[in-house]
PDB file of all heavy atoms in Angstrom:
ATOM      1  N   SER A   1      31.774  27.300  95.831  1.00  0.00           N
ATOM      2  CA  SER A   1      30.949  26.084  95.843  1.00  0.00           C
ATOM      3  C   SER A   1      29.503  26.447  96.140  1.00  0.00           C
ATOM      4  O   SER A   1      28.602  25.587  95.829  1.00  0.00           O
ATOM      5  CB  SER A   1      31.422  25.150  97.006  1.00  0.00           C
ATOM      6  OG  SER A   1      31.336  25.754  98.226  1.00  0.00           O
ATOM      7  N   SER A   2      29.195  27.632  96.536  1.00  0.00           N
ATOM      8  CA  SER A   2      27.815  27.981  96.862  1.00  0.00           C
ATOM      9  C   SER A   2      27.026  28.638  95.724  1.00  0.00           C
ATOM     10  O   SER A   2      25.870  28.997  95.827  1.00  0.00           O
ATOM     11  CB  SER A   2      27.726  28.978  98.031  1.00  0.00           C
ATOM     12  OG  SER A   2      28.377  28.368  99.163  1.00  0.00           O
ATOM     13  N   ASP A   3      27.750  28.960  94.578  1.00  0.00           N
ATOM     14  CA  ASP A   3      27.169  29.656  93.468  1.00  0.00           C
ATOM     15  C   ASP A   3      27.199  28.837  92.166  1.00  0.00           C
ATOM     16  O   ASP A   3      27.986  28.095  91.934  1.00  0.00           O
ATOM     17  CB  ASP A   3      27.917  30.976  93.299  1.00  0.00           C
ATOM     18  CG  ASP A   3      27.471  32.046  94.289  1.00  0.00           C
ATOM     19  OD1 ASP A   3      26.385  32.594  94.059  1.00  0.00           O
ATOM     20  OD2 ASP A   3      28.240  32.234  95.229  1.00  0.00           O
ATOM     21  N   ALA A   4      26.077  29.155  91.430  1.00  0.00           N
ATOM     22  CA  ALA A   4      26.093  28.675  90.090  1.00  0.00           C
ATOM     23  C   ALA A   4      27.203  29.279  89.216  1.00  0.00           C
ATOM     24  O   ALA A   4      27.659  30.374  89.564  1.00  0.00           O
ATOM     25  CB  ALA A   4      24.746  28.907  89.407  1.00  0.00           C
ATOM     26  N   MET A   5      27.590  28.589  88.171  1.00  0.00           N
ATOM     27  CA  MET A   5      28.605  29.184  87.231  1.00  0.00           C
ATOM     28  C   MET A   5      28.063  28.976  85.813  1.00  0.00           C
ATOM     29  O   MET A   5      27.340  27.964  85.529  1.00  0.00           O
ATOM     30  CB  MET A   5      29.949  28.416  87.380  1.00  0.00           C
ATOM     31  CG  MET A   5      30.597  28.653  88.753  1.00  0.00           C
ATOM     32  SD  MET A   5      31.044  30.388  89.021  1.00  0.00           S
ATOM     33  CE  MET A   5      32.170  30.718  87.691  1.00  0.00           C
ATOM     34  N   ARG A   6      28.441  29.828  84.916  1.00  0.00           N
ATOM     35  CA  ARG A   6      27.899  29.868  83.563  1.00  0.00           C
ATOM     36  C   ARG A   6      28.983  30.113  82.630  1.00  0.00           C
ATOM     37  O   ARG A   6      29.985  30.856  82.911  1.00  0.00           O
ATOM     38  CB  ARG A   6      26.813  30.920  83.452  1.00  0.00           C
ATOM     39  CG  ARG A   6      25.608  30.701  84.375  1.00  0.00           C
ATOM     40  CD  ARG A   6      24.733  31.907  84.463  1.00  0.00           C
ATOM     41  NE  ARG A   6      23.602  31.779  85.287  1.00  0.00           N
ATOM     42  CZ  ARG A   6      22.909  32.761  85.868  1.00  0.00           C
ATOM     43  NH1 ARG A   6      23.191  33.972  85.565  1.00  0.00           N
ATOM     44  NH2 ARG A   6      21.832  32.480  86.620  1.00  0.00           N
ATOM     45  N   TRP A   7      28.812  29.646  81.395  1.00  0.00           N
ATOM     46  CA  TRP A   7      29.568  30.003  80.174  1.00  0.00           C
ATOM     47  C   TRP A   7      28.703  30.651  79.172  1.00  0.00           C
ATOM     48  O   TRP A   7      27.665  30.121  78.859  1.00  0.00           O
ATOM     49  CB  TRP A   7      30.278  28.760  79.604  1.00  0.00           C
ATOM     50  CG  TRP A   7      31.390  28.203  80.396  1.00  0.00           C
ATOM     51  CD1 TRP A   7      31.402  27.116  81.158  1.00  0.00           C
ATOM     52  CD2 TRP A   7      32.684  28.655  80.309  1.00  0.00           C
ATOM     53  NE1 TRP A   7      32.572  26.879  81.759  1.00  0.00           N
ATOM     54  CE2 TRP A   7      33.510  27.820  81.216  1.00  0.00           C
ATOM     55  CE3 TRP A   7      33.446  29.647  79.660  1.00  0.00           C
ATOM     56  CZ2 TRP A   7      34.902  27.990  81.450  1.00  0.00           C
ATOM     57  CZ3 TRP A   7      34.780  29.846  79.947  1.00  0.00           C
ATOM     58  CH2 TRP A   7      35.532  29.004  80.747  1.00  0.00           C
ATOM     59  N   TYR A   8      29.082  31.861  78.726  1.00  0.00           N
ATOM     60  CA  TYR A   8      28.496  32.566  77.693  1.00  0.00           C
ATOM     61  C   TYR A   8      29.429  32.629  76.512  1.00  0.00           C
ATOM     62  O   TYR A   8      30.657  32.392  76.650  1.00  0.00           O
ATOM     63  CB  TYR A   8      28.123  34.002  78.051  1.00  0.00           C
ATOM     64  CG  TYR A   8      26.987  34.191  79.020  1.00  0.00           C
ATOM     65  CD1 TYR A   8      27.069  33.857  80.362  1.00  0.00           C
ATOM     66  CD2 TYR A   8      25.683  34.544  78.551  1.00  0.00           C
ATOM     67  CE1 TYR A   8      26.018  33.999  81.230  1.00  0.00           C
ATOM     68  CE2 TYR A   8      24.572  34.739  79.442  1.00  0.00           C
ATOM     69  CZ  TYR A   8      24.794  34.430  80.728  1.00  0.00           C
ATOM     70  OH  TYR A   8      23.753  34.655  81.630  1.00  0.00           O
ATOM     71  N   ARG A   9      28.907  32.963  75.353  1.00  0.00           N
ATOM     72  CA  ARG A   9      29.808  33.238  74.243  1.00  0.00           C
ATOM     73  C   ARG A   9      29.212  34.395  73.382  1.00  0.00           C
ATOM     74  O   ARG A   9      27.984  34.614  73.388  1.00  0.00           O
ATOM     75  CB  ARG A   9      29.968  31.955  73.307  1.00  0.00           C
ATOM     76  CG  ARG A   9      28.753  31.493  72.613  1.00  0.00           C
ATOM     77  CD  ARG A   9      29.049  30.233  71.856  1.00  0.00           C
ATOM     78  NE  ARG A   9      27.890  29.655  71.151  1.00  0.00           N
ATOM     79  CZ  ARG A   9      27.888  28.488  70.524  1.00  0.00           C
ATOM     80  NH1 ARG A   9      28.935  27.732  70.547  1.00  0.00           N
ATOM     81  NH2 ARG A   9      26.727  28.112  69.894  1.00  0.00           N
ATOM     82  N   GLN A  10      30.115  34.997  72.704  1.00  0.00           N
ATOM     83  CA  GLN A  10      29.753  36.103  71.769  1.00  0.00           C
ATOM     84  C   GLN A  10      30.470  35.946  70.497  1.00  0.00           C
ATOM     85  O   GLN A  10      31.775  36.175  70.515  1.00  0.00           O
ATOM     86  CB  GLN A  10      30.021  37.435  72.417  1.00  0.00           C
ATOM     87  CG  GLN A  10      29.432  38.643  71.668  1.00  0.00           C
ATOM     88  CD  GLN A  10      29.383  39.924  72.436  1.00  0.00           C
ATOM     89  OE1 GLN A  10      29.912  40.017  73.550  1.00  0.00           O
ATOM     90  NE2 GLN A  10      28.623  40.834  71.967  1.00  0.00           N
ATOM     91  N   ALA A  11      29.714  35.694  69.479  1.00  0.00           N
ATOM     92  CA  ALA A  11      30.306  35.666  68.128  1.00  0.00           C
ATOM     93  C   ALA A  11      30.386  37.002  67.458  1.00  0.00           C
ATOM     94  O   ALA A  11      29.680  37.878  67.848  1.00  0.00           O
ATOM     95  CB  ALA A  11      29.497  34.744  67.221  1.00  0.00           C
ATOM     96  N   PRO A  12      31.278  37.153  66.512  1.00  0.00           N
ATOM     97  CA  PRO A  12      31.394  38.498  65.872  1.00  0.00           C
ATOM     98  C   PRO A  12      30.052  38.945  65.332  1.00  0.00           C
ATOM     99  O   PRO A  12      29.345  38.231  64.620  1.00  0.00           O
ATOM    100  CB  PRO A  12      32.363  38.247  64.702  1.00  0.00           C
ATOM    101  CG  PRO A  12      33.161  37.149  65.132  1.00  0.00           C
ATOM    102  CD  PRO A  12      32.244  36.271  66.003  1.00  0.00           C
ATOM    103  N   GLY A  13      29.673  40.226  65.688  1.00  0.00           N
ATOM    104  CA  GLY A  13      28.435  40.876  65.226  1.00  0.00           C
ATOM    105  C   GLY A  13      27.198  40.358  65.856  1.00  0.00           C
ATOM    106  O   GLY A  13      26.071  40.636  65.416  1.00  0.00           O
ATOM    107  N   LYS A  14      27.316  39.489  66.889  1.00  0.00           N
ATOM    108  CA  LYS A  14      26.155  38.962  67.539  1.00  0.00           C
ATOM    109  C   LYS A  14      26.118  39.299  69.041  1.00  0.00           C
ATOM    110  O   LYS A  14      27.201  39.741  69.567  1.00  0.00           O
ATOM    111  CB  LYS A  14      26.128  37.381  67.352  1.00  0.00           C
ATOM    112  CG  LYS A  14      25.886  36.962  65.876  1.00  0.00           C
ATOM    113  CD  LYS A  14      25.712  35.525  65.828  1.00  0.00           C
ATOM    114  CE  LYS A  14      25.431  35.069  64.384  1.00  0.00           C
ATOM    115  NZ  LYS A  14      25.151  33.645  64.363  1.00  0.00           N
ATOM    116  N   GLY A  15      24.968  39.121  69.662  1.00  0.00           N
ATOM    117  CA  GLY A  15      24.927  39.327  71.053  1.00  0.00           C
ATOM    118  C   GLY A  15      25.444  38.175  71.898  1.00  0.00           C
ATOM    119  O   GLY A  15      25.803  37.039  71.394  1.00  0.00           O
ATOM    120  N   ARG A  16      25.608  38.403  73.203  1.00  0.00           N
ATOM    121  CA  ARG A  16      26.154  37.346  74.121  1.00  0.00           C
ATOM    122  C   ARG A  16      25.035  36.422  74.408  1.00  0.00           C
ATOM    123  O   ARG A  16      23.953  36.769  74.731  1.00  0.00           O
ATOM    124  CB  ARG A  16      26.669  37.982  75.346  1.00  0.00           C
ATOM    125  CG  ARG A  16      27.615  37.197  76.132  1.00  0.00           C
ATOM    126  CD  ARG A  16      28.392  37.934  77.240  1.00  0.00           C
ATOM    127  NE  ARG A  16      29.273  38.959  76.681  1.00  0.00           N
ATOM    128  CZ  ARG A  16      30.160  39.607  77.414  1.00  0.00           C
ATOM    129  NH1 ARG A  16      30.189  39.478  78.715  1.00  0.00           N
ATOM    130  NH2 ARG A  16      30.921  40.521  76.849  1.00  0.00           N
ATOM    131  N   GLU A  17      25.331  35.051  74.278  1.00  0.00           N
ATOM    132  CA  GLU A  17      24.391  34.058  74.524  1.00  0.00           C
ATOM    133  C   GLU A  17      24.866  33.056  75.584  1.00  0.00           C
ATOM    134  O   GLU A  17      26.046  32.732  75.640  1.00  0.00           O
ATOM    135  CB  GLU A  17      24.086  33.293  73.206  1.00  0.00           C
ATOM    136  CG  GLU A  17      25.174  32.473  72.720  1.00  0.00           C
ATOM    137  CD  GLU A  17      24.775  31.544  71.529  1.00  0.00           C
ATOM    138  OE1 GLU A  17      23.551  31.291  71.400  1.00  0.00           O
ATOM    139  OE2 GLU A  17      25.702  31.078  70.815  1.00  0.00           O
ATOM    140  N   LEU A  18      23.871  32.588  76.362  1.00  0.00           N
ATOM    141  CA  LEU A  18      24.203  31.610  77.376  1.00  0.00           C
ATOM    142  C   LEU A  18      24.429  30.226  76.706  1.00  0.00           C
ATOM    143  O   LEU A  18      23.539  29.746  75.958  1.00  0.00           O
ATOM    144  CB  LEU A  18      23.011  31.423  78.387  1.00  0.00           C
ATOM    145  CG  LEU A  18      23.206  30.433  79.390  1.00  0.00           C
ATOM    146  CD1 LEU A  18      24.372  30.690  80.320  1.00  0.00           C
ATOM    147  CD2 LEU A  18      21.905  30.345  80.325  1.00  0.00           C
ATOM    148  N   VAL A  19      25.617  29.645  76.957  1.00  0.00           N
ATOM    149  CA  VAL A  19      25.916  28.363  76.370  1.00  0.00           C
ATOM    150  C   VAL A  19      25.535  27.201  77.388  1.00  0.00           C
ATOM    151  O   VAL A  19      24.877  26.272  76.955  1.00  0.00           O
ATOM    152  CB  VAL A  19      27.410  28.242  76.094  1.00  0.00           C
ATOM    153  CG1 VAL A  19      27.783  26.852  75.615  1.00  0.00           C
ATOM    154  CG2 VAL A  19      27.846  29.368  75.113  1.00  0.00           C
ATOM    155  N   THR A  20      25.926  27.357  78.607  1.00  0.00           N
ATOM    156  CA  THR A  20      25.761  26.248  79.585  1.00  0.00           C
ATOM    157  C   THR A  20      25.850  26.852  81.032  1.00  0.00           C
ATOM    158  O   THR A  20      26.457  27.855  81.177  1.00  0.00           O
ATOM    159  CB  THR A  20      26.676  25.130  79.372  1.00  0.00           C
ATOM    160  OG1 THR A  20      26.459  24.092  80.351  1.00  0.00           O
ATOM    161  CG2 THR A  20      28.127  25.622  79.458  1.00  0.00           C
ATOM    162  N   SER A  21      25.278  26.130  81.941  1.00  0.00           N
ATOM    163  CA  SER A  21      25.414  26.525  83.289  1.00  0.00           C
ATOM    164  C   SER A  21      25.490  25.332  84.268  1.00  0.00           C
ATOM    165  O   SER A  21      24.945  24.194  83.805  1.00  0.00           O
ATOM    166  CB  SER A  21      24.318  27.483  83.784  1.00  0.00           C
ATOM    167  OG  SER A  21      22.949  26.809  83.816  1.00  0.00           O
ATOM    168  N   ILE A  22      25.914  25.524  85.390  1.00  0.00           N
ATOM    169  CA  ILE A  22      25.961  24.407  86.403  1.00  0.00           C
ATOM    170  C   ILE A  22      25.618  25.012  87.722  1.00  0.00           C
ATOM    171  O   ILE A  22      26.209  26.014  88.131  1.00  0.00           O
ATOM    172  CB  ILE A  22      27.296  23.640  86.371  1.00  0.00           C
ATOM    173  CG1 ILE A  22      27.276  22.478  87.364  1.00  0.00           C
ATOM    174  CG2 ILE A  22      28.496  24.562  86.765  1.00  0.00           C
ATOM    175  CD1 ILE A  22      28.428  21.529  87.147  1.00  0.00           C
ATOM    176  N   SER A  23      24.721  24.401  88.448  1.00  0.00           N
ATOM    177  CA  SER A  23      24.258  24.912  89.746  1.00  0.00           C
ATOM    178  C   SER A  23      25.254  24.444  90.865  1.00  0.00           C
ATOM    179  O   SER A  23      26.170  23.743  90.563  1.00  0.00           O
ATOM    180  CB  SER A  23      22.903  24.431  90.104  1.00  0.00           C
ATOM    181  OG  SER A  23      22.860  23.038  90.393  1.00  0.00           O
ATOM    182  N   SER A  24      25.152  24.987  92.015  1.00  0.00           N
ATOM    183  CA  SER A  24      25.951  24.604  93.097  1.00  0.00           C
ATOM    184  C   SER A  24      25.776  23.138  93.473  1.00  0.00           C
ATOM    185  O   SER A  24      26.776  22.510  93.974  1.00  0.00           O
ATOM    186  CB  SER A  24      25.610  25.445  94.334  1.00  0.00           C
ATOM    187  OG  SER A  24      24.303  25.290  94.777  1.00  0.00           O
ATOM    188  N   SER A  25      24.641  22.582  93.121  1.00  0.00           N
ATOM    189  CA  SER A  25      24.395  21.136  93.434  1.00  0.00           C
ATOM    190  C   SER A  25      24.815  20.158  92.168  1.00  0.00           C
ATOM    191  O   SER A  25      24.605  19.048  92.291  1.00  0.00           O
ATOM    192  CB  SER A  25      23.021  20.883  93.809  1.00  0.00           C
ATOM    193  OG  SER A  25      22.115  21.310  92.685  1.00  0.00           O
ATOM    194  N   GLY A  26      25.236  20.864  91.107  1.00  0.00           N
ATOM    195  CA  GLY A  26      25.644  20.105  89.927  1.00  0.00           C
ATOM    196  C   GLY A  26      24.635  19.945  88.840  1.00  0.00           C
ATOM    197  O   GLY A  26      24.916  19.296  87.857  1.00  0.00           O
ATOM    198  N   ASN A  27      23.461  20.532  88.990  1.00  0.00           N
ATOM    199  CA  ASN A  27      22.489  20.555  87.882  1.00  0.00           C
ATOM    200  C   ASN A  27      22.990  21.309  86.692  1.00  0.00           C
ATOM    201  O   ASN A  27      23.533  22.463  86.861  1.00  0.00           O
ATOM    202  CB  ASN A  27      21.150  21.004  88.336  1.00  0.00           C
ATOM    203  CG  ASN A  27      20.526  20.092  89.359  1.00  0.00           C
ATOM    204  OD1 ASN A  27      20.655  18.831  89.256  1.00  0.00           O
ATOM    205  ND2 ASN A  27      19.833  20.687  90.452  1.00  0.00           N
ATOM    206  N   THR A  28      22.703  20.864  85.522  1.00  0.00           N
ATOM    207  CA  THR A  28      23.303  21.511  84.341  1.00  0.00           C
ATOM    208  C   THR A  28      22.187  21.947  83.450  1.00  0.00           C
ATOM    209  O   THR A  28      21.062  21.270  83.328  1.00  0.00           O
ATOM    210  CB  THR A  28      24.261  20.608  83.617  1.00  0.00           C
ATOM    211  OG1 THR A  28      23.695  19.386  83.257  1.00  0.00           O
ATOM    212  CG2 THR A  28      25.492  20.294  84.440  1.00  0.00           C
ATOM    213  N   TYR A  29      22.571  22.878  82.605  1.00  0.00           N
ATOM    214  CA  TYR A  29      21.652  23.315  81.444  1.00  0.00           C
ATOM    215  C   TYR A  29      22.586  23.569  80.296  1.00  0.00           C
ATOM    216  O   TYR A  29      23.746  23.966  80.454  1.00  0.00           O
ATOM    217  CB  TYR A  29      21.010  24.673  81.836  1.00  0.00           C
ATOM    218  CG  TYR A  29      20.562  25.469  80.505  1.00  0.00           C
ATOM    219  CD1 TYR A  29      19.309  25.126  79.953  1.00  0.00           C
ATOM    220  CD2 TYR A  29      21.400  26.394  79.967  1.00  0.00           C
ATOM    221  CE1 TYR A  29      18.971  25.820  78.833  1.00  0.00           C
ATOM    222  CE2 TYR A  29      21.029  27.029  78.884  1.00  0.00           C
ATOM    223  CZ  TYR A  29      19.807  26.750  78.296  1.00  0.00           C
ATOM    224  OH  TYR A  29      19.345  27.382  77.179  1.00  0.00           O
ATOM    225  N   TYR A  30      22.093  23.154  79.058  1.00  0.00           N
ATOM    226  CA  TYR A  30      22.821  23.437  77.820  1.00  0.00           C
ATOM    227  C   TYR A  30      21.934  24.034  76.769  1.00  0.00           C
ATOM    228  O   TYR A  30      20.705  23.624  76.647  1.00  0.00           O
ATOM    229  CB  TYR A  30      23.340  22.076  77.264  1.00  0.00           C
ATOM    230  CG  TYR A  30      24.300  21.394  78.140  1.00  0.00           C
ATOM    231  CD1 TYR A  30      23.957  20.395  79.037  1.00  0.00           C
ATOM    232  CD2 TYR A  30      25.731  21.695  78.075  1.00  0.00           C
ATOM    233  CE1 TYR A  30      24.940  19.817  79.867  1.00  0.00           C
ATOM    234  CE2 TYR A  30      26.664  21.088  78.805  1.00  0.00           C
ATOM    235  CZ  TYR A  30      26.222  20.172  79.798  1.00  0.00           C
ATOM    236  OH  TYR A  30      27.161  19.567  80.656  1.00  0.00           O
ATOM    237  N   ALA A  31      22.428  24.920  76.023  1.00  0.00           N
ATOM    238  CA  ALA A  31      21.705  25.482  74.913  1.00  0.00           C
ATOM    239  C   ALA A  31      21.566  24.365  73.855  1.00  0.00           C
ATOM    240  O   ALA A  31      22.440  23.458  73.809  1.00  0.00           O
ATOM    241  CB  ALA A  31      22.461  26.623  74.313  1.00  0.00           C
TER     242      ALA A  31
END
C-alpha cells in the first residue's frame, strides 16, 4: 500500500515501455 505500481509491456523486437502507473494515493498515469 505504500508503493507505486506500474505496468510495462514489451512487443516483439521493441524495447520495454511504460503503459500505466498508479501511486500509493491512487494517482494514475497512462501512455
